[in-house]
Amino acid sequence: MSETTLPVLVADLVALRRASGYKFKVPERVLHQFADHCRLQGYADGSITKEAIEGFLYGRHLRSSTLRRNEVALHQLTEHAQGFGWDAYTPVVATRVRVRHQPPYVFTDDEVRRLFAAIDSQAMSSYSNKALVDPVLFRVLYGAGLRVSEALNLTLPDVDANAGTLRIRDSKNGEGRTVPITGRLTATLHAYIAAAHPAPDVSDYVFYAAAAGRPINQATVYTRFRGYLADAGIPHFTGGPHPHSLRHGFAVTNLRRWAAANADLAVKLPYLACYMGHADLRGTQYYLRLTADAYPDVIAKAQIRFGYTIPIPPEDQP
């Protein structure tokens, strides 16, 4: 057991968690950072000391949510190390996180028009391909209701221009799905791929920055989005708007359209849940409540079909 190194322990724990069905991506990154910290500080393998733990956890100025996340990851690692016979100090998961329930931002129709006008007006540059990529990337978020990570993980084989579908792999709930998209969005993607991938390879990501074999970083997408908001004259504040607001917009737009057509929302909701990759109807019912809040004309129809599960305040009732 004494030959077991900290990086080996980390790799073993990651493999164990993934075999149990967890993605474990963020904890894996934290644990690798901790292993690097121990190596740089000269801590020997065979034990994990309190000094090493606290130096990593509390030696930097971090948000309380980040501290708690790191505490949980190291708690798991030290318990795993003890199973290998290491003398490991187990940190207490004690950092308290203040949970704020910020209502998601829903763009108005006018804001959507202004936003895409700003995105489409970016000048072509020899230093960046964002003028080519972003008009299509953000249309996929809005037109297909994808999560940002789902859109960035798309590879060329995931786009079927003939069938008009996108194949979503490794989604939030760990399940893949195939979603149909409109003919207009299909044509937009087909034209974009022809321009952005003149020598396509099956391993290419649909949306990339420097090289087609590497997807755009999510942080880059958020930074660009903030710039487009400013160009469109849409204020940014804590809680929104952000790229995920486009996914909210997809759900709300469809619910508004169905309500206007007098469709039975109880029948439509499971379809929307499946399309958006929700594990159950709770997330989709949340969008129904959000739609009723943003668009009072939908309230009556939502109350008729879902008043028993989505209570609407008396002051909002018609």
C-alpha atoms as a PDB file:
ATOM      1  CA  MET A   1       0.000   0.000   0.000  1.00  0.00           C
ATOM      2  CA  SER A   2       2.919   2.319   0.704  1.00  0.00           C
ATOM      3  CA  GLU A   3       3.738   2.464  -3.034  1.00  0.00           C
ATOM      4  CA  THR A   4       0.347   4.021  -3.783  1.00  0.00           C
ATOM      5  CA  THR A   5       0.801   7.661  -4.748  1.00  0.00           C
ATOM      6  CA  LEU A   6      -1.678  10.499  -4.353  1.00  0.00           C
ATOM      7  CA  PRO A   7      -2.276  10.803  -8.131  1.00  0.00           C
ATOM      8  CA  VAL A   8      -3.017   7.058  -8.210  1.00  0.00           C
ATOM      9  CA  LEU A   9      -5.522   7.467  -5.375  1.00  0.00           C
ATOM     10  CA  VAL A  10      -7.181  10.330  -7.233  1.00  0.00           C
ATOM     11  CA  ALA A  11      -7.418   8.310 -10.447  1.00  0.00           C
ATOM     12  CA  ASP A  12      -8.826   5.327  -8.561  1.00  0.00           C
ATOM     13  CA  LEU A  13     -11.489   7.433  -6.828  1.00  0.00           C
ATOM     14  CA  VAL A  14     -12.492   9.099 -10.099  1.00  0.00           C
ATOM     15  CA  ALA A  15     -12.826   5.704 -11.809  1.00  0.00           C
ATOM     16  CA  LEU A  16     -14.885   4.394  -8.890  1.00  0.00           C
ATOM     17  CA  ARG A  17     -17.300   7.350  -8.955  1.00  0.00           C
ATOM     18  CA  ARG A  18     -17.753   7.163 -12.710  1.00  0.00           C
ATOM     19  CA  ALA A  19     -18.372   3.435 -12.528  1.00  0.00           C
ATOM     20  CA  SER A  20     -21.173   4.311 -10.098  1.00  0.00           C
ATOM     21  CA  GLY A  21     -22.766   6.601 -12.692  1.00  0.00           C
ATOM     22  CA  TYR A  22     -21.398   9.989 -11.612  1.00  0.00           C
ATOM     23  CA  LYS A  23     -19.771  12.355 -14.102  1.00  0.00           C
ATOM     24  CA  PHE A  24     -17.416  13.633 -11.368  1.00  0.00           C
ATOM     25  CA  LYS A  25     -15.824  16.202 -13.688  1.00  0.00           C
ATOM     26  CA  VAL A  26     -15.562  19.127 -11.274  1.00  0.00           C
ATOM     27  CA  PRO A  27     -14.456  17.045  -8.255  1.00  0.00           C
ATOM     28  CA  GLU A  28     -11.851  15.391 -10.472  1.00  0.00           C
ATOM     29  CA  ARG A  29     -10.412  18.803 -11.330  1.00  0.00           C
ATOM     30  CA  VAL A  30     -10.360  19.791  -7.638  1.00  0.00           C
ATOM     31  CA  LEU A  31      -8.584  16.571  -6.663  1.00  0.00           C
ATOM     32  CA  HIS A  32      -5.944  16.990  -9.363  1.00  0.00           C
ATOM     33  CA  GLN A  33      -5.368  20.543  -8.116  1.00  0.00           C
ATOM     34  CA  PHE A  34      -4.959  19.208  -4.581  1.00  0.00           C
ATOM     35  CA  ALA A  35      -2.468  16.572  -5.772  1.00  0.00           C
ATOM     36  CA  ASP A  36      -0.481  19.324  -7.521  1.00  0.00           C
ATOM     37  CA  HIS A  37      -0.619  21.424  -4.347  1.00  0.00           C
ATOM     38  CA  CYS A  38       0.790  18.546  -2.281  1.00  0.00           C
ATOM     39  CA  ARG A  39       3.550  17.909  -4.822  1.00  0.00           C
ATOM     40  CA  LEU A  40       4.597  21.564  -4.960  1.00  0.00           C
ATOM     41  CA  GLN A  41       4.561  21.879  -1.155  1.00  0.00           C
ATOM     42  CA  GLY A  42       6.639  18.724  -0.758  1.00  0.00           C
ATOM     43  CA  TYR A  43       4.158  16.550   1.120  1.00  0.00           C
ATOM     44  CA  ALA A  44       5.143  12.893   1.044  1.00  0.00           C
ATOM     45  CA  ASP A  45       2.832  10.113  -0.136  1.00  0.00           C
ATOM     46  CA  GLY A  46       1.395   7.781   2.482  1.00  0.00           C
ATOM     47  CA  SER A  47      -0.508  10.381   4.441  1.00  0.00           C
ATOM     48  CA  ILE A  48      -2.684  13.457   3.948  1.00  0.00           C
ATOM     49  CA  THR A  49      -2.069  15.964   6.698  1.00  0.00           C
ATOM     50  CA  LYS A  50      -4.349  18.574   8.188  1.00  0.00           C
ATOM     51  CA  GLU A  51      -1.814  21.205   7.132  1.00  0.00           C
ATOM     52  CA  ALA A  52      -1.996  20.085   3.504  1.00  0.00           C
ATOM     53  CA  ILE A  53      -5.795  20.038   3.539  1.00  0.00           C
ATOM     54  CA  GLU A  54      -6.254  23.433   5.159  1.00  0.00           C
ATOM     55  CA  GLY A  55      -3.475  25.029   3.123  1.00  0.00           C
ATOM     56  CA  PHE A  56      -5.305  24.027  -0.040  1.00  0.00           C
ATOM     57  CA  LEU A  57      -8.814  24.797   1.150  1.00  0.00           C
ATOM     58  CA  TYR A  58      -8.325  28.039   2.997  1.00  0.00           C
ATOM     59  CA  GLY A  59      -5.089  29.472   1.651  1.00  0.00           C
ATOM     60  CA  ARG A  60      -6.924  31.408  -1.038  1.00  0.00           C
ATOM     61  CA  HIS A  61      -9.851  33.782  -1.174  1.00  0.00           C
ATOM     62  CA  LEU A  62     -12.685  31.644  -2.551  1.00  0.00           C
ATOM     63  CA  ARG A  63     -16.454  31.917  -2.590  1.00  0.00           C
ATOM     64  CA  SER A  64     -18.269  29.921   0.058  1.00  0.00           C
ATOM     65  CA  SER A  65     -19.861  27.701  -2.618  1.00  0.00           C
ATOM     66  CA  THR A  66     -16.400  26.878  -4.004  1.00  0.00           C
ATOM     67  CA  LEU A  67     -15.026  26.159  -0.526  1.00  0.00           C
ATOM     68  CA  ARG A  68     -17.862  23.773   0.249  1.00  0.00           C
ATOM     69  CA  ARG A  69     -17.451  22.027  -3.097  1.00  0.00           C
ATOM     70  CA  ASN A  70     -13.732  21.553  -2.387  1.00  0.00           C
ATOM     71  CA  GLU A  71     -14.420  20.344   1.155  1.00  0.00           C
ATOM     72  CA  VAL A  72     -16.783  17.676  -0.175  1.00  0.00           C
ATOM     73  CA  ALA A  73     -14.260  16.511  -2.778  1.00  0.00           C
ATOM     74  CA  LEU A  74     -11.404  16.255  -0.273  1.00  0.00           C
ATOM     75  CA  HIS A  75     -13.659  14.551   2.267  1.00  0.00           C
ATOM     76  CA  GLN A  76     -14.271  11.810  -0.275  1.00  0.00           C
ATOM     77  CA  LEU A  77     -10.585  11.579  -1.154  1.00  0.00           C
ATOM     78  CA  THR A  78      -9.385  11.234   2.436  1.00  0.00           C
ATOM     79  CA  GLU A  79     -11.934   8.534   3.208  1.00  0.00           C
ATOM     80  CA  HIS A  80     -10.786   6.722   0.078  1.00  0.00           C
ATOM     81  CA  ALA A  81      -7.154   7.117   1.153  1.00  0.00           C
ATOM     82  CA  GLN A  82      -7.917   5.645   4.567  1.00  0.00           C
ATOM     83  CA  GLY A  83      -9.235   2.566   2.799  1.00  0.00           C
ATOM     84  CA  PHE A  84      -5.749   2.170   1.309  1.00  0.00           C
ATOM     85  CA  GLY A  85      -4.166   2.358   4.761  1.00  0.00           C
ATOM     86  CA  TRP A  86      -3.137   6.009   4.606  1.00  0.00           C
ATOM     87  CA  ASP A  87      -3.151   8.215   7.694  1.00  0.00           C
ATOM     88  CA  ALA A  88      -5.419  10.887   6.252  1.00  0.00           C
ATOM     89  CA  TYR A  89      -6.985  13.865   7.998  1.00  0.00           C
ATOM     90  CA  THR A  90     -10.635  14.124   6.963  1.00  0.00           C
ATOM     91  CA  PRO A  91     -11.875  17.711   6.645  1.00  0.00           C
ATOM     92  CA  VAL A  92     -15.236  18.689   8.066  1.00  0.00           C
ATOM     93  CA  VAL A  93     -17.696  19.912   5.452  1.00  0.00           C
ATOM     94  CA  ALA A  94     -18.592  22.994   7.458  1.00  0.00           C
ATOM     95  CA  THR A  95     -18.701  25.948   5.069  1.00  0.00           C
ATOM     96  CA  ARG A  96     -22.238  27.275   4.846  1.00  0.00           C
ATOM     97  CA  VAL A  97     -23.554  28.362   1.474  1.00  0.00           C
ATOM     98  CA  ARG A  98     -26.162  31.056   1.241  1.00  0.00           C
ATOM     99  CA  VAL A  99     -28.713  29.877  -1.284  1.00  0.00           C
ATOM    100  CA  ARG A 100     -30.372  32.599  -3.286  1.00  0.00           C
ATOM    101  CA  HIS A 101     -33.289  31.683  -5.485  1.00  0.00           C
ATOM    102  CA  GLN A 102     -32.930  34.163  -8.314  1.00  0.00           C
ATOM    103  CA  PRO A 103     -35.793  33.974 -10.805  1.00  0.00           C
ATOM    104  CA  PRO A 104     -34.475  33.202 -14.289  1.00  0.00           C
ATOM    105  CA  TYR A 105     -34.474  35.918 -16.896  1.00  0.00           C
ATOM    106  CA  VAL A 106     -36.874  35.706 -19.817  1.00  0.00           C
ATOM    107  CA  PHE A 107     -36.101  37.872 -22.839  1.00  0.00           C
ATOM    108  CA  THR A 108     -38.896  39.922 -24.363  1.00  0.00           C
ATOM    109  CA  ASP A 109     -39.504  39.551 -28.095  1.00  0.00           C
ATOM    110  CA  ASP A 110     -37.917  42.945 -28.675  1.00  0.00           C
ATOM    111  CA  GLU A 111     -34.826  42.005 -26.654  1.00  0.00           C
ATOM    112  CA  VAL A 112     -34.420  38.815 -28.678  1.00  0.00           C
ATOM    113  CA  ARG A 113     -34.475  40.825 -31.915  1.00  0.00           C
ATOM    114  CA  ARG A 114     -31.973  43.350 -30.579  1.00  0.00           C
ATOM    115  CA  LEU A 115     -29.697  40.649 -29.199  1.00  0.00           C
ATOM    116  CA  PHE A 116     -29.441  38.731 -32.462  1.00  0.00           C
ATOM    117  CA  ALA A 117     -29.005  41.958 -34.411  1.00  0.00           C
ATOM    118  CA  ALA A 118     -25.967  42.669 -32.204  1.00  0.00           C
ATOM    119  CA  ILE A 119     -24.616  39.128 -32.620  1.00  0.00           C
ATOM    120  CA  ASP A 120     -25.058  39.242 -36.402  1.00  0.00           C
ATOM    121  CA  SER A 121     -23.355  42.635 -36.745  1.00  0.00           C
ATOM    122  CA  GLN A 122     -19.919  41.449 -35.596  1.00  0.00           C
ATOM    123  CA  ALA A 123     -17.238  42.219 -38.155  1.00  0.00           C
ATOM    124  CA  MET A 124     -15.219  39.369 -39.652  1.00  0.00           C
ATOM    125  CA  SER A 125     -11.659  39.207 -38.352  1.00  0.00           C
ATOM    126  CA  SER A 126      -8.512  37.295 -39.140  1.00  0.00           C
ATOM    127  CA  TYR A 127      -7.864  36.978 -35.388  1.00  0.00           C
ATOM    128  CA  SER A 128     -11.144  35.343 -34.364  1.00  0.00           C
ATOM    129  CA  ASN A 129     -13.881  33.230 -35.937  1.00  0.00           C
ATOM    130  CA  LYS A 130     -16.601  34.469 -33.576  1.00  0.00           C
ATOM    131  CA  ALA A 131     -18.393  36.382 -36.350  1.00  0.00           C
ATOM    132  CA  LEU A 132     -18.807  33.042 -38.122  1.00  0.00           C
ATOM    133  CA  VAL A 133     -19.518  30.870 -35.072  1.00  0.00           C
ATOM    134  CA  ASP A 134     -21.625  32.952 -32.703  1.00  0.00           C
ATOM    135  CA  PRO A 135     -24.661  33.749 -34.902  1.00  0.00           C
ATOM    136  CA  VAL A 136     -25.177  30.007 -35.338  1.00  0.00           C
ATOM    137  CA  LEU A 137     -24.193  28.898 -31.822  1.00  0.00           C
ATOM    138  CA  PHE A 138     -26.645  31.255 -30.119  1.00  0.00           C
ATOM    139  CA  ARG A 139     -29.391  30.381 -32.606  1.00  0.00           C
ATOM    140  CA  VAL A 140     -28.932  26.722 -31.680  1.00  0.00           C
ATOM    141  CA  LEU A 141     -29.300  27.617 -27.988  1.00  0.00           C
ATOM    142  CA  TYR A 142     -32.458  29.592 -28.670  1.00  0.00           C
ATOM    143  CA  GLY A 143     -33.924  27.499 -31.487  1.00  0.00           C
ATOM    144  CA  ALA A 144     -33.298  24.053 -29.982  1.00  0.00           C
ATOM    145  CA  GLY A 145     -33.360  24.879 -26.266  1.00  0.00           C
ATOM    146  CA  LEU A 146     -29.995  23.273 -25.628  1.00  0.00           C
ATOM    147  CA  ARG A 147     -27.843  23.750 -22.566  1.00  0.00           C
ATOM    148  CA  VAL A 148     -24.593  25.568 -23.370  1.00  0.00           C
ATOM    149  CA  SER A 149     -22.557  22.435 -22.606  1.00  0.00           C
ATOM    150  CA  GLU A 150     -24.747  20.361 -24.934  1.00  0.00           C
ATOM    151  CA  ALA A 151     -24.241  22.760 -27.836  1.00  0.00           C
ATOM    152  CA  LEU A 152     -20.487  22.970 -27.285  1.00  0.00           C
ATOM    153  CA  ASN A 153     -20.188  19.170 -27.154  1.00  0.00           C
ATOM    154  CA  LEU A 154     -21.781  18.713 -30.580  1.00  0.00           C
ATOM    155  CA  THR A 155     -19.489  17.068 -33.112  1.00  0.00           C
ATOM    156  CA  LEU A 156     -20.057  16.952 -36.867  1.00  0.00           C
ATOM    157  CA  PRO A 157     -21.625  13.454 -36.848  1.00  0.00           C
ATOM    158  CA  ASP A 158     -24.173  14.716 -34.287  1.00  0.00           C
ATOM    159  CA  VAL A 159     -25.729  17.016 -36.906  1.00  0.00           C
ATOM    160  CA  ASP A 160     -27.948  15.173 -39.383  1.00  0.00           C
ATOM    161  CA  ALA A 161     -28.879  17.727 -42.014  1.00  0.00           C
ATOM    162  CA  ASN A 162     -30.940  15.198 -43.975  1.00  0.00           C
ATOM    163  CA  ALA A 163     -33.134  14.221 -41.043  1.00  0.00           C
ATOM    164  CA  GLY A 164     -33.021  17.686 -39.454  1.00  0.00           C
ATOM    165  CA  THR A 165     -31.896  16.409 -36.051  1.00  0.00           C
ATOM    166  CA  LEU A 166     -29.219  16.975 -33.414  1.00  0.00           C
ATOM    167  CA  ARG A 167     -27.847  14.126 -31.325  1.00  0.00           C
ATOM    168  CA  ILE A 168     -27.155  15.195 -27.738  1.00  0.00           C
ATOM    169  CA  ARG A 169     -24.585  13.098 -25.897  1.00  0.00           C
ATOM    170  CA  ASP A 170     -23.519  13.190 -22.259  1.00  0.00           C
ATOM    171  CA  SER A 171     -26.281  15.549 -21.142  1.00  0.00           C
ATOM    172  CA  LYS A 172     -26.829  16.859 -17.617  1.00  0.00           C
ATOM    173  CA  ASN A 173     -28.874  13.822 -16.610  1.00  0.00           C
ATOM    174  CA  GLY A 174     -26.398  11.393 -18.152  1.00  0.00           C
ATOM    175  CA  GLU A 175     -28.746  10.354 -20.951  1.00  0.00           C
ATOM    176  CA  GLY A 176     -28.476  11.113 -24.646  1.00  0.00           C
ATOM    177  CA  ARG A 177     -31.345  12.190 -26.855  1.00  0.00           C
ATOM    178  CA  THR A 178     -32.026  13.108 -30.469  1.00  0.00           C
ATOM    179  CA  VAL A 179     -33.955  16.329 -31.058  1.00  0.00           C
ATOM    180  CA  PRO A 180     -35.581  17.513 -34.295  1.00  0.00           C
ATOM    181  CA  ILE A 181     -34.950  21.094 -35.367  1.00  0.00           C
ATOM    182  CA  THR A 182     -36.688  23.378 -37.814  1.00  0.00           C
ATOM    183  CA  GLY A 183     -35.852  23.404 -41.491  1.00  0.00           C
ATOM    184  CA  ARG A 184     -34.571  26.957 -41.152  1.00  0.00           C
ATOM    185  CA  LEU A 185     -32.171  26.072 -38.354  1.00  0.00           C
ATOM    186  CA  THR A 186     -31.085  22.941 -40.228  1.00  0.00           C
ATOM    187  CA  ALA A 187     -30.244  25.031 -43.307  1.00  0.00           C
ATOM    188  CA  THR A 188     -28.366  27.544 -41.149  1.00  0.00           C
ATOM    189  CA  LEU A 189     -26.275  24.772 -39.575  1.00  0.00           C
ATOM    190  CA  HIS A 190     -25.629  23.127 -42.954  1.00  0.00           C
ATOM    191  CA  ALA A 191     -24.355  26.382 -44.468  1.00  0.00           C
ATOM    192  CA  TYR A 192     -22.268  27.141 -41.370  1.00  0.00           C
ATOM    193  CA  ILE A 193     -20.612  23.708 -41.332  1.00  0.00           C
ATOM    194  CA  ALA A 194     -19.704  24.036 -45.007  1.00  0.00           C
ATOM    195  CA  ALA A 195     -18.003  27.367 -44.267  1.00  0.00           C
ATOM    196  CA  ALA A 196     -16.425  26.533 -40.893  1.00  0.00           C
ATOM    197  CA  HIS A 197     -15.280  23.006 -41.770  1.00  0.00           C
ATOM    198  CA  PRO A 198     -13.831  23.021 -45.298  1.00  0.00           C
ATOM    199  CA  ALA A 199     -11.940  19.789 -44.514  1.00  0.00           C
ATOM    200  CA  PRO A 200     -14.339  18.064 -42.090  1.00  0.00           C
ATOM    201  CA  ASP A 201     -13.267  15.276 -39.770  1.00  0.00           C
ATOM    202  CA  VAL A 202     -15.567  13.083 -37.693  1.00  0.00           C
ATOM    203  CA  SER A 203     -13.809  14.218 -34.519  1.00  0.00           C
ATOM    204  CA  ASP A 204     -14.396  17.922 -35.244  1.00  0.00           C
ATOM    205  CA  TYR A 205     -16.555  19.929 -32.879  1.00  0.00           C
ATOM    206  CA  VAL A 206     -19.272  21.938 -34.592  1.00  0.00           C
ATOM    207  CA  PHE A 207     -18.388  25.085 -32.655  1.00  0.00           C
ATOM    208  CA  TYR A 208     -14.713  25.822 -32.064  1.00  0.00           C
ATOM    209  CA  ALA A 209     -12.391  28.778 -31.511  1.00  0.00           C
ATOM    210  CA  ALA A 210      -8.799  27.912 -32.393  1.00  0.00           C
ATOM    211  CA  ALA A 211      -8.961  24.331 -33.648  1.00  0.00           C
ATOM    212  CA  ALA A 212     -11.875  22.204 -34.816  1.00  0.00           C
ATOM    213  CA  GLY A 213     -10.716  19.356 -32.586  1.00  0.00           C
ATOM    214  CA  ARG A 214     -11.339  21.419 -29.459  1.00  0.00           C
ATOM    215  CA  PRO A 215     -14.675  22.957 -28.398  1.00  0.00           C
ATOM    216  CA  ILE A 216     -15.101  26.546 -27.285  1.00  0.00           C
ATOM    217  CA  ASN A 217     -14.659  27.084 -23.569  1.00  0.00           C
ATOM    218  CA  GLN A 218     -17.893  27.924 -21.748  1.00  0.00           C
ATOM    219  CA  ALA A 219     -16.260  30.936 -20.107  1.00  0.00           C
ATOM    220  CA  THR A 220     -15.527  32.338 -23.564  1.00  0.00           C
ATOM    221  CA  VAL A 221     -19.173  31.962 -24.544  1.00  0.00           C
ATOM    222  CA  TYR A 222     -20.293  33.824 -21.421  1.00  0.00           C
ATOM    223  CA  THR A 223     -17.795  36.639 -21.998  1.00  0.00           C
ATOM    224  CA  ARG A 224     -18.897  37.110 -25.593  1.00  0.00           C
ATOM    225  CA  PHE A 225     -22.542  37.035 -24.575  1.00  0.00           C
ATOM    226  CA  ARG A 226     -21.967  39.854 -22.079  1.00  0.00           C
ATOM    227  CA  GLY A 227     -20.522  41.931 -24.912  1.00  0.00           C
ATOM    228  CA  TYR A 228     -23.531  41.283 -27.151  1.00  0.00           C
ATOM    229  CA  LEU A 229     -25.886  42.295 -24.338  1.00  0.00           C
ATOM    230  CA  ALA A 230     -24.036  45.596 -24.031  1.00  0.00           C
ATOM    231  CA  ASP A 231     -24.178  46.155 -27.795  1.00  0.00           C
ATOM    232  CA  ALA A 232     -27.922  45.453 -27.740  1.00  0.00           C
ATOM    233  CA  GLY A 233     -28.518  47.839 -24.843  1.00  0.00           C
ATOM    234  CA  ILE A 234     -29.738  45.034 -22.570  1.00  0.00           C
ATOM    235  CA  PRO A 235     -28.494  45.496 -18.985  1.00  0.00           C
ATOM    236  CA  HIS A 236     -26.728  42.625 -17.265  1.00  0.00           C
ATOM    237  CA  PHE A 237     -27.161  42.006 -13.557  1.00  0.00           C
ATOM    238  CA  THR A 238     -26.843  39.237 -10.990  1.00  0.00           C
ATOM    239  CA  GLY A 239     -29.094  36.388 -12.056  1.00  0.00           C
ATOM    240  CA  GLY A 240     -29.279  37.273 -15.711  1.00  0.00           C
ATOM    241  CA  PRO A 241     -29.553  37.544 -18.533  1.00  0.00           C
ATOM    242  CA  HIS A 242     -26.997  34.920 -19.527  1.00  0.00           C
ATOM    243  CA  PRO A 243     -26.677  32.296 -22.286  1.00  0.00           C
ATOM    244  CA  HIS A 244     -28.929  29.870 -20.400  1.00  0.00           C
ATOM    245  CA  SER A 245     -31.673  32.504 -20.706  1.00  0.00           C
ATOM    246  CA  LEU A 246     -31.920  31.506 -24.362  1.00  0.00           C
ATOM    247  CA  ARG A 247     -32.915  27.996 -23.258  1.00  0.00           C
ATOM    248  CA  HIS A 248     -35.549  29.560 -21.009  1.00  0.00           C
ATOM    249  CA  GLY A 249     -36.711  31.532 -24.039  1.00  0.00           C
ATOM    250  CA  PHE A 250     -37.133  28.368 -26.097  1.00  0.00           C
ATOM    251  CA  ALA A 251     -39.415  26.804 -23.489  1.00  0.00           C
ATOM    252  CA  VAL A 252     -41.426  29.959 -22.894  1.00  0.00           C
ATOM    253  CA  THR A 253     -41.875  30.637 -26.627  1.00  0.00           C
ATOM    254  CA  ASN A 254     -43.264  27.152 -27.226  1.00  0.00           C
ATOM    255  CA  LEU A 255     -45.602  27.322 -24.243  1.00  0.00           C
ATOM    256  CA  ARG A 256     -46.905  30.695 -25.399  1.00  0.00           C
ATOM    257  CA  ARG A 257     -47.461  29.352 -28.900  1.00  0.00           C
ATOM    258  CA  TRP A 258     -49.332  26.306 -27.626  1.00  0.00           C
ATOM    259  CA  ALA A 259     -51.474  28.376 -25.286  1.00  0.00           C
ATOM    260  CA  ALA A 260     -52.350  30.780 -28.107  1.00  0.00           C
ATOM    261  CA  ALA A 261     -53.422  27.809 -30.244  1.00  0.00           C
ATOM    262  CA  ASN A 262     -55.583  26.496 -27.371  1.00  0.00           C
ATOM    263  CA  ALA A 263     -53.520  23.316 -27.231  1.00  0.00           C
ATOM    264  CA  ASP A 264     -53.878  21.065 -24.203  1.00  0.00           C
ATOM    265  CA  LEU A 265     -50.803  21.969 -22.148  1.00  0.00           C
ATOM    266  CA  ALA A 266     -51.129  18.772 -20.120  1.00  0.00           C
ATOM    267  CA  VAL A 267     -50.524  16.831 -23.325  1.00  0.00           C
ATOM    268  CA  LYS A 268     -47.749  19.095 -24.604  1.00  0.00           C
ATOM    269  CA  LEU A 269     -45.708  19.292 -21.404  1.00  0.00           C
ATOM    270  CA  PRO A 270     -44.251  15.734 -21.543  1.00  0.00           C
ATOM    271  CA  TYR A 271     -43.087  16.371 -25.105  1.00  0.00           C
ATOM    272  CA  LEU A 272     -41.308  19.543 -24.011  1.00  0.00           C
ATOM    273  CA  ALA A 273     -39.734  17.698 -21.056  1.00  0.00           C
ATOM    274  CA  CYS A 274     -38.389  14.969 -23.347  1.00  0.00           C
ATOM    275  CA  TYR A 275     -37.128  17.470 -25.925  1.00  0.00           C
ATOM    276  CA  MET A 276     -35.256  19.551 -23.353  1.00  0.00           C
ATOM    277  CA  GLY A 277     -33.765  16.551 -21.584  1.00  0.00           C
ATOM    278  CA  HIS A 278     -35.516  16.978 -18.244  1.00  0.00           C
ATOM    279  CA  ALA A 279     -35.368  13.971 -15.946  1.00  0.00           C
ATOM    280  CA  ASP A 280     -39.057  14.438 -15.050  1.00  0.00           C
ATOM    281  CA  LEU A 281     -41.870  16.953 -15.446  1.00  0.00           C
ATOM    282  CA  ARG A 282     -40.841  19.153 -12.543  1.00  0.00           C
ATOM    283  CA  GLY A 283     -38.372  21.191 -14.568  1.00  0.00           C
ATOM    284  CA  THR A 284     -40.861  21.651 -17.387  1.00  0.00           C
ATOM    285  CA  GLN A 285     -43.669  22.659 -15.011  1.00  0.00           C
ATOM    286  CA  TYR A 286     -41.255  25.261 -13.718  1.00  0.00           C
ATOM    287  CA  TYR A 287     -41.132  26.752 -17.210  1.00  0.00           C
ATOM    288  CA  LEU A 288     -44.907  26.808 -17.314  1.00  0.00           C
ATOM    289  CA  ARG A 289     -44.959  28.835 -14.120  1.00  0.00           C
ATOM    290  CA  LEU A 290     -42.265  31.094 -15.573  1.00  0.00           C
ATOM    291  CA  THR A 291     -44.369  31.627 -18.711  1.00  0.00           C
ATOM    292  CA  ALA A 292     -47.421  32.528 -16.652  1.00  0.00           C
ATOM    293  CA  ASP A 293     -45.355  35.067 -14.708  1.00  0.00           C
ATOM    294  CA  ALA A 294     -43.947  36.717 -17.829  1.00  0.00           C
ATOM    295  CA  TYR A 295     -47.077  36.553 -19.967  1.00  0.00           C
ATOM    296  CA  PRO A 296     -50.355  37.093 -18.063  1.00  0.00           C
ATOM    297  CA  ASP A 297     -52.432  35.876 -21.029  1.00  0.00           C
ATOM    298  CA  VAL A 298     -51.163  32.368 -20.308  1.00  0.00           C
ATOM    299  CA  ILE A 299     -52.162  32.410 -16.634  1.00  0.00           C
ATOM    300  CA  ALA A 300     -55.787  31.390 -17.122  1.00  0.00           C
ATOM    301  CA  LYS A 301     -54.876  28.380 -19.246  1.00  0.00           C
ATOM    302  CA  ALA A 302     -52.114  27.343 -16.856  1.00  0.00           C
ATOM    303  CA  GLN A 303     -54.478  27.613 -13.897  1.00  0.00           C
ATOM    304  CA  ILE A 304     -57.157  25.514 -15.584  1.00  0.00           C
ATOM    305  CA  ARG A 305     -54.798  22.634 -16.364  1.00  0.00           C
ATOM    306  CA  PHE A 306     -52.149  22.918 -13.650  1.00  0.00           C
ATOM    307  CA  GLY A 307     -53.525  24.993 -10.799  1.00  0.00           C
ATOM    308  CA  TYR A 308     -53.307  21.945  -8.569  1.00  0.00           C
ATOM    309  CA  THR A 309     -49.544  21.644  -9.065  1.00  0.00           C
ATOM    310  CA  ILE A 310     -48.490  25.209  -9.923  1.00  0.00           C
ATOM    311  CA  PRO A 311     -50.327  27.551  -7.556  1.00  0.00           C
ATOM    312  CA  ILE A 312     -50.794  31.056  -8.913  1.00  0.00           C
ATOM    313  CA  PRO A 313     -50.994  33.920  -6.411  1.00  0.00           C
ATOM    314  CA  PRO A 314     -54.515  35.411  -6.078  1.00  0.00           C
ATOM    315  CA  GLU A 315     -53.308  38.831  -7.225  1.00  0.00           C
ATOM    316  CA  ASP A 316     -52.171  37.275 -10.539  1.00  0.00           C
ATOM    317  CA  GLN A 317     -55.380  35.410 -11.254  1.00  0.00           C
ATOM    318  CA  PRO A 318     -57.703  36.905 -13.867  1.00  0.00           C
END
